[in-house]
Amino acid sequence: MEFKNFTYLLLMLGSLAVPLAFSFEKEVRFYTKLKYLIPAILFSGAIFIMWDIRFEELGIWKFNPEFLTGIYILNLPLEEWLFFLVILYCCVFIYEILVIKLAHFEKPNLFLAVSLVLLAVFLLITWFYRQKLYTFF
């Protein structure tokens, strides 16, 4: 096995390293929320795993074995399973950090405007790429 076969796995571990290290910071104390976060990650991760399994079966997307360890569970690489644990953890961690660090930054009108613009952009992307399944989904 070559070093490049660990690319996706190392990417997942690298993505987890910083949030995990800062989870124990005194101001953040993110580890105290794990009892609530873990069930949520497992539930939502299970939904995305089912989606991934089906889309891989349909050929909507594939995984390049050149960058994988070769360990598969239900036809999905181990790294893809880890993706839904690690990235969900990282996303919630980033949200919690922003809540703490930007506690006084509340601009409801700005947030509404940005949300509406993003909604319009994503709807346009969906429309223009409706023939390309990977991009559409």
Protein backbone atom coordinates (compact mmCIF):
# COMPACT_ATOMS: atom_id res chain seq x y z
CA MET A 1 0.00 0.00 0.00
CA GLU A 2 1.32 3.42 -0.95
CA PHE A 3 1.24 6.61 1.09
CA LYS A 4 -1.34 8.15 -1.25
CA ASN A 5 -3.78 5.38 -0.20
CA PHE A 6 -4.03 7.17 3.13
CA THR A 7 -4.92 10.57 1.66
CA TYR A 8 -8.64 10.56 2.50
CA LEU A 9 -8.01 9.04 5.94
CA LEU A 10 -5.33 11.61 6.77
CA LEU A 11 -7.62 14.37 5.57
CA MET A 12 -10.31 13.18 8.00
CA LEU A 13 -7.86 12.87 10.89
CA GLY A 14 -6.40 16.29 10.11
CA SER A 15 -9.87 17.81 10.00
CA LEU A 16 -10.62 16.35 13.42
CA ALA A 17 -7.33 17.30 15.07
CA VAL A 18 -7.89 21.04 15.60
CA PRO A 19 -11.52 20.92 16.80
CA LEU A 20 -10.72 18.01 19.08
CA ALA A 21 -7.72 19.83 20.56
CA PHE A 22 -9.72 22.99 21.21
CA SER A 23 -12.73 21.11 22.59
CA PHE A 24 -11.07 21.17 26.00
CA GLU A 25 -10.27 24.89 26.03
CA LYS A 26 -11.62 26.55 29.18
CA GLU A 27 -13.79 29.08 27.35
CA VAL A 28 -15.17 26.55 24.88
CA ARG A 29 -15.55 23.30 26.91
CA PHE A 30 -17.11 21.63 23.90
CA TYR A 31 -16.53 18.17 25.38
CA THR A 32 -19.37 18.85 27.85
CA LYS A 33 -21.85 18.80 24.96
CA LEU A 34 -20.78 15.43 23.56
CA LYS A 35 -23.57 13.52 25.32
CA TYR A 36 -26.04 15.50 23.19
CA LEU A 37 -23.91 15.72 20.07
CA ILE A 38 -22.99 12.06 19.61
CA PRO A 39 -26.61 10.81 19.20
CA ALA A 40 -27.33 13.67 16.79
CA ILE A 41 -24.23 12.88 14.73
CA LEU A 42 -25.05 9.17 14.64
CA PHE A 43 -28.67 9.82 13.61
CA SER A 44 -27.93 12.35 10.88
CA GLY A 45 -24.83 10.42 9.80
CA ALA A 46 -26.97 7.28 9.33
CA ILE A 47 -29.29 9.19 6.99
CA PHE A 48 -26.35 10.45 4.92
CA ILE A 49 -24.75 6.99 4.87
CA MET A 50 -27.97 5.51 3.44
CA TRP A 51 -28.00 8.32 0.85
CA ASP A 52 -24.34 7.62 0.02
CA ILE A 53 -24.86 3.88 -0.34
CA ARG A 54 -27.78 4.40 -2.71
CA PHE A 55 -26.04 7.06 -4.80
CA GLU A 56 -22.94 4.90 -5.10
CA GLU A 57 -25.14 1.98 -6.26
CA LEU A 58 -26.79 4.22 -8.86
CA GLY A 59 -23.40 5.44 -10.07
CA ILE A 60 -24.12 9.08 -9.24
CA TRP A 61 -20.76 9.22 -7.50
CA LYS A 62 -17.78 6.97 -6.99
CA PHE A 63 -14.73 6.87 -4.76
CA ASN A 64 -11.24 6.84 -6.20
CA PRO A 65 -9.51 3.74 -4.77
CA GLU A 66 -6.14 5.37 -5.40
CA PHE A 67 -6.66 7.56 -2.31
CA LEU A 68 -8.39 5.02 -0.05
CA THR A 69 -7.12 2.38 2.35
CA GLY A 70 -9.25 -0.31 0.71
CA ILE A 71 -11.39 -1.02 3.77
CA TYR A 72 -15.07 -1.08 2.77
CA ILE A 73 -18.22 -1.39 4.86
CA LEU A 74 -21.46 -1.93 2.89
CA ASN A 75 -19.67 -0.90 -0.32
CA LEU A 76 -18.55 2.44 1.17
CA PRO A 77 -14.93 3.13 2.06
CA LEU A 78 -14.07 3.45 5.73
CA GLU A 79 -13.01 7.03 5.09
CA GLU A 80 -16.51 7.94 3.89
CA TRP A 81 -18.01 6.54 7.09
CA LEU A 82 -15.55 8.64 9.07
CA PHE A 83 -16.43 11.67 6.96
CA PHE A 84 -19.95 11.76 8.40
CA LEU A 85 -18.67 11.55 11.94
CA VAL A 86 -15.74 13.93 11.63
CA ILE A 87 -17.25 16.64 9.44
CA LEU A 88 -20.50 16.78 11.40
CA TYR A 89 -18.45 17.14 14.60
CA CYS A 90 -16.35 19.88 13.00
CA CYS A 91 -19.38 21.79 11.72
CA VAL A 92 -21.08 21.87 15.12
CA PHE A 93 -17.76 22.78 16.74
CA ILE A 94 -17.32 25.74 14.37
CA TYR A 95 -20.88 26.86 15.09
CA GLU A 96 -20.27 26.72 18.85
CA ILE A 97 -17.01 28.66 18.51
CA LEU A 98 -18.76 31.36 16.48
CA VAL A 99 -21.53 31.60 19.08
CA ILE A 100 -18.91 32.15 21.79
CA LYS A 101 -16.54 34.44 19.88
CA LEU A 102 -19.22 36.50 18.13
CA ALA A 103 -21.76 36.66 20.96
CA HIS A 104 -22.36 40.37 20.43
CA PHE A 105 -22.51 40.22 16.65
CA GLU A 106 -26.19 39.92 15.92
CA LYS A 107 -27.50 41.48 12.75
CA PRO A 108 -30.87 39.84 11.94
CA ASN A 109 -31.47 41.91 8.80
CA LEU A 110 -28.01 41.14 7.45
CA PHE A 111 -28.41 37.43 8.21
CA LEU A 112 -31.81 37.38 6.50
CA ALA A 113 -30.43 39.14 3.42
CA VAL A 114 -27.45 36.80 3.16
CA SER A 115 -29.72 33.77 3.63
CA LEU A 116 -32.07 34.92 0.87
CA VAL A 117 -29.20 35.61 -1.52
CA LEU A 118 -27.69 32.18 -0.82
CA LEU A 119 -31.09 30.55 -1.29
CA ALA A 120 -31.48 32.24 -4.68
CA VAL A 121 -27.93 31.28 -5.73
CA PHE A 122 -28.44 27.64 -4.74
CA LEU A 123 -31.78 27.46 -6.51
CA LEU A 124 -30.15 28.83 -9.67
CA ILE A 125 -27.31 26.31 -9.41
CA THR A 126 -29.86 23.54 -8.94
CA TRP A 127 -31.78 24.68 -12.01
CA PHE A 128 -28.77 25.08 -14.30
CA TYR A 129 -27.19 21.80 -13.27
CA ARG A 130 -30.35 19.68 -13.09
CA GLN A 131 -29.04 17.39 -15.85
CA LYS A 132 -25.82 16.64 -13.94
CA LEU A 133 -26.88 14.41 -11.06
CA TYR A 134 -23.75 14.82 -8.96
CA THR A 135 -23.86 18.62 -9.07
CA PHE A 136 -27.64 18.69 -8.69
CA PHE A 137 -27.59 16.72 -5.46
